[in-house]
Protein backbone atom coordinates (compact mmCIF):
# COMPACT_ATOMS: atom_id res chain seq x y z
CA UNK A 1 5.70 -23.80 4.33
CA UNK A 2 7.41 -21.58 6.91
CA UNK A 3 6.34 -18.44 5.04
CA UNK A 4 2.73 -19.69 4.98
CA UNK A 5 2.84 -20.19 8.74
CA UNK A 6 4.28 -16.70 9.20
CA UNK A 7 1.58 -15.25 6.96
CA UNK A 8 -1.13 -16.98 8.96
CA UNK A 9 0.41 -15.73 12.20
CA UNK A 10 0.54 -12.08 11.10
CA UNK A 11 -2.96 -12.21 9.64
CA UNK A 12 -4.23 -13.34 13.04
CA UNK A 13 -2.00 -10.85 14.84
CA UNK A 14 -3.38 -7.99 12.74
CA UNK A 15 -6.86 -8.87 13.97
CA UNK A 16 -5.70 -7.81 17.42
CA UNK A 17 -4.72 -11.18 18.84
CA UNK A 18 -1.16 -10.01 19.46
CA UNK A 19 -0.14 -6.65 20.99
CA UNK A 20 1.11 -4.38 18.20
CA UNK A 21 3.86 -2.99 20.46
CA UNK A 22 5.66 -6.34 20.18
CA UNK A 23 6.48 -5.53 16.57
CA UNK A 24 6.32 -1.71 16.58
CA UNK A 25 7.34 -0.29 19.96
CA UNK A 26 8.37 3.12 18.63
CA UNK A 27 5.06 4.54 17.42
CA UNK A 28 5.31 8.29 18.17
CA UNK A 29 2.73 9.41 20.75
CA UNK A 30 0.24 12.06 19.72
CA UNK A 31 2.24 14.69 21.59
CA UNK A 32 5.29 13.77 19.53
CA UNK A 33 3.64 14.48 16.17
CA UNK A 34 3.71 17.94 14.63
CA UNK A 35 0.28 19.53 14.16
CA UNK A 36 1.25 21.20 10.90
CA UNK A 37 -0.80 24.06 9.49
CA UNK A 38 -0.56 26.29 6.44
CA UNK A 39 0.70 25.06 3.08
CA UNK A 40 1.23 21.33 3.62
CA UNK A 41 3.22 18.75 1.70
CA UNK A 42 1.91 15.34 0.66
CA UNK A 43 3.71 12.36 -0.83
CA UNK A 44 1.55 9.98 -2.85
CA UNK A 45 3.05 6.48 -3.05
CA UNK A 46 1.88 4.16 -5.82
CA UNK A 47 3.03 0.88 -7.38
CA UNK A 48 2.70 -0.23 -10.99
CA UNK A 49 3.34 -3.58 -12.67
CA UNK A 50 1.55 -4.14 -16.00
CA UNK A 51 -1.03 -1.50 -15.05
CA UNK A 52 0.09 1.44 -17.16
CA UNK A 53 -3.44 1.59 -18.64
CA UNK A 54 -4.65 2.48 -15.13
CA UNK A 55 -1.69 4.55 -13.97
CA UNK A 56 -2.24 6.92 -16.90
CA UNK A 57 -5.51 8.06 -15.33
CA UNK A 58 -3.89 8.60 -11.93
CA UNK A 59 -1.08 10.74 -13.32
CA UNK A 60 -3.48 12.53 -15.65
CA UNK A 61 -5.68 13.51 -12.70
CA UNK A 62 -2.76 15.47 -11.23
CA UNK A 63 -2.26 17.26 -14.55
CA UNK A 64 -5.97 18.01 -15.00
CA UNK A 65 -6.62 18.98 -11.36
CA UNK A 66 -3.31 20.32 -10.02
CA UNK A 67 -3.27 21.13 -6.28
CA UNK A 68 -3.08 24.74 -5.15
CA UNK A 69 -3.17 24.39 -1.36
CA UNK A 70 -0.44 21.80 -0.87
CA UNK A 71 2.66 20.46 -2.63
CA UNK A 72 2.51 16.90 -3.94
CA UNK A 73 5.35 14.50 -4.60
CA UNK A 74 4.02 11.72 -6.83
CA UNK A 75 6.14 8.64 -6.16
CA UNK A 76 5.73 5.60 -8.41
CA UNK A 77 7.55 2.33 -7.83
CA UNK A 78 7.99 0.31 -11.01
CA UNK A 79 10.25 -2.18 -12.79
CA UNK A 80 12.38 -1.43 -15.83
CA UNK A 81 11.10 -4.72 -17.27
CA UNK A 82 7.60 -3.22 -17.54
CA UNK A 83 8.27 -1.31 -20.75
CA UNK A 84 4.76 0.14 -21.08
CA UNK A 85 5.04 1.75 -17.65
CA UNK A 86 8.55 2.99 -18.41
CA UNK A 87 7.23 4.65 -21.58
CA UNK A 88 4.31 6.21 -19.70
CA UNK A 89 6.53 7.60 -16.94
CA UNK A 90 8.85 9.01 -19.57
CA UNK A 91 5.94 10.91 -21.10
CA UNK A 92 4.77 12.42 -17.80
CA UNK A 93 8.31 13.29 -16.78
CA UNK A 94 8.20 15.91 -19.54
CA UNK A 95 5.03 17.50 -18.15
CA UNK A 96 5.56 20.39 -15.73
CA UNK A 97 2.64 20.66 -13.29
CA UNK A 98 2.48 23.45 -10.67
CA UNK A 99 2.58 22.01 -7.17
CA UNK A 100 3.53 18.51 -8.37
CA UNK A 101 6.95 16.82 -8.33
CA UNK A 102 7.33 13.51 -10.17
CA UNK A 103 9.43 10.84 -8.42
CA UNK A 104 9.96 7.59 -10.33
CA UNK A 105 11.53 4.82 -8.23
CA UNK A 106 12.71 1.72 -10.12
CA UNK A 107 12.97 -1.55 -8.23
CA UNK A 108 13.95 -5.08 -9.21
CA UNK A 109 10.66 -6.75 -9.98
CA UNK A 110 11.06 -9.22 -7.11
CA UNK A 111 11.06 -6.24 -4.72
CA UNK A 112 8.23 -4.52 -6.57
CA UNK A 113 6.12 -7.67 -6.21
CA UNK A 114 6.11 -7.20 -2.42
CA UNK A 115 4.35 -3.86 -2.11
CA UNK A 116 5.43 -3.41 1.50
CA UNK A 117 9.06 -2.99 0.39
CA UNK A 118 8.46 0.14 -1.65
CA UNK A 119 5.99 1.55 0.85
CA UNK A 120 8.46 1.02 3.67
CA UNK A 121 11.25 2.69 1.70
CA UNK A 122 9.05 5.68 0.91
CA UNK A 123 7.78 5.97 4.49
CA UNK A 124 11.21 5.99 6.08
CA UNK A 125 12.63 8.48 3.56
CA UNK A 126 9.68 10.85 3.17
CA UNK A 127 10.05 14.54 3.93
CA UNK A 128 6.32 15.20 3.54
CA UNK A 129 3.87 16.23 6.23
CA UNK A 130 1.54 13.40 5.17
CA UNK A 131 1.89 10.28 3.01
CA UNK A 132 -0.96 8.80 0.94
CA UNK A 133 -0.30 5.12 0.24
CA UNK A 134 -2.48 4.18 -2.71
CA UNK A 135 -2.89 2.00 -5.80
CA UNK A 136 -2.37 3.10 -9.38
CA UNK A 137 -6.08 2.73 -10.21
CA UNK A 138 -7.06 5.66 -7.96
CA UNK A 139 -7.51 9.27 -9.16
CA UNK A 140 -7.42 12.65 -7.43
CA UNK A 141 -10.04 14.66 -9.24
CA UNK A 142 -11.56 18.11 -8.82
CA UNK A 143 -11.21 19.44 -5.27
CA UNK A 144 -9.67 16.28 -3.85
CA UNK A 145 -6.21 17.39 -2.82
CA UNK A 146 -7.05 20.98 -1.92
CA UNK A 147 -9.90 19.85 0.32
CA UNK A 148 -7.61 17.25 1.85
CA UNK A 149 -5.15 20.05 2.67
CA UNK A 150 -7.93 21.84 4.56
CA UNK A 151 -9.01 18.70 6.42
CA UNK A 152 -5.45 17.94 7.56
CA UNK A 153 -4.79 21.34 9.13
CA UNK A 154 -3.44 20.87 12.66
CA UNK A 155 -4.19 17.14 12.79
CA UNK A 156 -2.00 14.61 14.57
CA UNK A 157 -3.88 11.40 13.71
CA UNK A 158 -1.63 8.50 12.80
CA UNK A 159 -3.94 7.51 9.95
CA UNK A 160 -6.91 9.02 8.10
CA UNK A 161 -8.88 8.03 5.01
CA UNK A 162 -11.49 9.53 2.67
CA UNK A 163 -15.00 8.99 3.93
CA UNK A 164 -16.22 8.46 0.37
CA UNK A 165 -14.75 7.09 -2.82
CA UNK A 166 -16.42 6.77 -6.18
CA UNK A 167 -15.77 3.55 -8.09
CA UNK A 168 -16.73 1.73 -11.26
CA UNK A 169 -18.18 -1.73 -11.39
CA UNK A 170 -15.63 -4.45 -12.17
CA UNK A 171 -14.61 -3.58 -15.74
CA UNK A 172 -13.78 -6.24 -18.32
CA UNK A 173 -10.50 -6.07 -20.20
CA UNK A 174 -12.20 -4.82 -23.38
CA UNK A 175 -13.93 -1.90 -21.63
CA UNK A 176 -13.40 1.34 -23.63
CA UNK A 177 -11.90 3.08 -20.58
CA UNK A 178 -9.24 0.41 -20.18
CA UNK A 179 -8.59 0.21 -23.92
CA UNK A 180 -8.07 3.96 -24.11
CA UNK A 181 -5.55 3.78 -21.30
CA UNK A 182 -3.58 1.15 -23.19
CA UNK A 183 -2.99 3.45 -26.19
CA UNK A 184 -0.19 5.93 -26.78
CA UNK A 185 0.85 7.81 -23.63
CA UNK A 186 -1.09 11.02 -23.11
CA UNK A 187 -3.16 12.98 -20.63
CA UNK A 188 -6.54 11.24 -20.40
CA UNK A 189 -9.77 12.25 -18.72
CA UNK A 190 -12.70 9.96 -17.87
CA UNK A 191 -16.46 9.97 -18.01
CA UNK A 192 -17.48 9.88 -14.34
CA UNK A 193 -21.16 9.10 -14.87
CA UNK A 194 -20.62 5.36 -14.40
CA UNK A 195 -19.03 5.74 -10.95
CA UNK A 196 -20.99 5.09 -7.76
CA UNK A 197 -20.30 6.20 -4.19
CA UNK A 198 -18.84 3.84 -1.62
CA UNK A 199 -18.19 4.51 2.02
CA UNK A 200 -15.28 2.46 3.36
CA UNK A 201 -15.23 1.72 7.06
CA UNK A 202 -11.46 1.85 7.45
CA UNK A 203 -8.23 2.94 5.77
CA UNK A 204 -7.97 0.21 3.16
CA UNK A 205 -4.88 -0.30 0.99
CA UNK A 206 -5.51 2.46 -1.58
CA UNK A 207 -6.84 4.92 1.02
CA UNK A 208 -4.16 5.04 3.72
CA UNK A 209 -3.11 8.61 4.52
CA UNK A 210 -0.52 8.51 7.29
CA UNK A 211 1.13 11.26 9.32
CA UNK A 212 4.66 11.97 8.09
CA UNK A 213 6.18 11.88 11.58
CA UNK A 214 4.70 8.43 12.10
CA UNK A 215 5.98 7.20 8.73
CA UNK A 216 9.53 8.39 9.32
CA UNK A 217 9.72 6.41 12.57
CA UNK A 218 7.69 3.27 11.88
CA UNK A 219 8.09 2.85 8.12
CA UNK A 220 5.59 0.43 6.64
CA UNK A 221 5.68 -2.86 8.55
CA UNK A 222 9.44 -2.35 8.82
CA UNK A 223 9.92 -4.94 11.58
CA UNK A 224 7.98 -7.75 9.92
CA UNK A 225 10.55 -9.53 7.79
CA UNK A 226 7.96 -11.41 5.73
CA UNK A 227 6.52 -8.14 4.40
CA UNK A 228 9.99 -6.89 3.45
CA UNK A 229 10.98 -10.07 1.62
CA UNK A 230 11.23 -10.10 -2.21
CA UNK A 231 9.07 -12.61 -4.04
CA UNK A 232 8.90 -14.11 -7.52
CA UNK A 233 5.20 -13.30 -7.96
CA UNK A 234 3.14 -10.30 -6.97
CA UNK A 235 2.18 -11.01 -3.37
CA UNK A 236 -1.24 -10.47 -1.86
CA UNK A 237 -1.19 -7.21 0.07
CA UNK A 238 -1.85 -8.54 3.57
CA UNK A 239 0.50 -5.91 4.97
CA UNK A 240 -2.25 -3.27 4.52
CA UNK A 241 -4.08 -4.71 7.51
CA UNK A 242 -0.86 -5.15 9.46
CA UNK A 243 -0.02 -1.48 8.92
CA UNK A 244 -3.26 -0.41 10.58
CA UNK A 245 -2.62 -2.84 13.42
CA UNK A 246 0.88 -1.47 13.99
CA UNK A 247 -0.44 2.10 13.99
CA UNK A 248 -3.18 1.07 16.48
CA UNK A 249 -5.74 2.68 14.19
CA UNK A 250 -8.26 1.72 11.56
CA UNK A 251 -8.04 5.33 10.38
CA UNK A 252 -10.18 8.40 10.99
CA UNK A 253 -12.56 9.34 8.14
CA UNK A 254 -12.28 12.79 6.56
CA UNK A 255 -14.65 14.42 4.08
CA UNK A 256 -12.76 14.67 0.80
CA UNK A 257 -14.40 14.89 -2.64
CA UNK A 258 -12.98 13.73 -5.95
CA UNK A 259 -11.58 10.32 -4.93
CA UNK A 260 -12.24 8.01 -7.90
CA UNK A 261 -11.10 4.43 -8.44
CA UNK A 262 -11.30 2.12 -11.45
CA UNK A 263 -12.25 -1.42 -10.48
CA UNK A 264 -11.29 -4.10 -12.98
CA UNK A 265 -11.66 -7.84 -13.36
CA UNK A 266 -8.35 -8.90 -14.91
CA UNK A 267 -5.36 -8.65 -12.59
CA UNK A 268 -2.52 -7.78 -14.94
CA UNK A 269 0.05 -7.97 -12.16
CA UNK A 270 -0.46 -11.72 -11.75
CA UNK A 271 0.91 -14.42 -14.03
CA UNK A 272 0.30 -18.11 -14.49
CA UNK A 273 -1.60 -20.64 -16.56
CA UNK A 274 -4.82 -19.81 -18.40
CA UNK A 275 -6.76 -22.00 -16.00
CA UNK A 276 -5.21 -20.25 -13.01
CA UNK A 277 -5.98 -16.84 -14.55
CA UNK A 278 -9.60 -17.81 -15.21
CA UNK A 279 -9.95 -19.01 -11.64
CA UNK A 280 -8.52 -15.74 -10.30
CA UNK A 281 -10.95 -13.79 -12.47
CA UNK A 282 -13.93 -15.83 -11.27
CA UNK A 283 -12.79 -15.51 -7.66
CA UNK A 284 -12.34 -11.75 -7.97
CA UNK A 285 -15.86 -11.30 -9.38
CA UNK A 286 -17.34 -13.51 -6.67
CA UNK A 287 -15.44 -11.69 -3.89
CA UNK A 288 -16.61 -8.33 -5.20
CA UNK A 289 -20.21 -9.49 -5.29
CA UNK A 290 -19.97 -10.95 -1.78
CA UNK A 291 -18.44 -7.82 -0.29
CA UNK A 292 -21.08 -5.62 -1.89
CA UNK A 293 -23.88 -7.91 -0.76
CA UNK A 294 -22.53 -8.17 2.77
CA UNK A 295 -21.82 -4.47 3.06
CA UNK A 296 -25.14 -3.15 1.92
CA UNK A 297 -26.94 -2.36 -1.30
CA UNK A 298 -26.75 0.07 -4.17
CA UNK A 299 -29.50 2.63 -3.93
CA UNK A 300 -31.22 4.49 -6.72
CA UNK A 301 -28.89 7.44 -6.09
CA UNK A 302 -25.86 5.31 -6.86
CA UNK A 303 -24.54 4.95 -3.34
CA UNK A 304 -23.19 1.83 -1.70
CA UNK A 305 -23.08 1.90 2.08
CA UNK A 306 -21.45 -0.52 4.45
CA UNK A 307 -18.20 -2.34 4.92
CA UNK A 308 -15.22 -2.52 2.66
CA UNK A 309 -12.26 -4.86 2.72
CA UNK A 310 -8.61 -4.86 1.76
């Protein structure tokens, strides 16, 4: 009960009801952030639990479209109990990609289930100029990272995000794309014709690109104990909103191509009874429809405009 009250409090606080400085007083001022130029470094931070069939596309995108204008450290938090992910990471560990360093970070699953723990660890320890906190269903395709390197030259924003992402509809578990990802580990490409454009209005959970100097000082909700507390089930990622609140920014949009994300109905990271799983699936479909309807409409050119949510 106490945790539920804390969760409700921080969800309200993150809407601006409470001054962010109460929980993060050390946010570096703009003048205290390096305006780095030249060949930048980026750390991508991802989590995976029972999603190896999605992670394979993320890691493959770095192999197929390796960056030339910045160095990437690809950090994946995972659990040794997730044997499919362990096998996948083992495969990619043998692949040498120019400009890319693989960094696999095992956690006890109770820590993995609270995404803020891994993100906080990565933020405080990063040596990169910028950190992209994302989900394992997102891909960095042609021109994405090199254009991002250009857009980040000399910037001191606490938080930026891609102005556009291209996504699938909610895919069923038997979709050929998801089935292919569940096969033997390998480098996989995708057919992008089924993806449509979306224009998020803020730096949502998979699209949070934070300044390295900010990350090294503030971490990721480091002072909110609830979001650093292990849990027995994969927790809802409410800390995404709190992170923006603590940074006093919804994020600044930047024009970056090649950001693709696979949307899917079945949440493999959750567990429970069949009835509970069916309810989650129904709720996820309904929420997706509601957000799309509220945010705008899909035009004949395959573009969805309007709001997005965490």
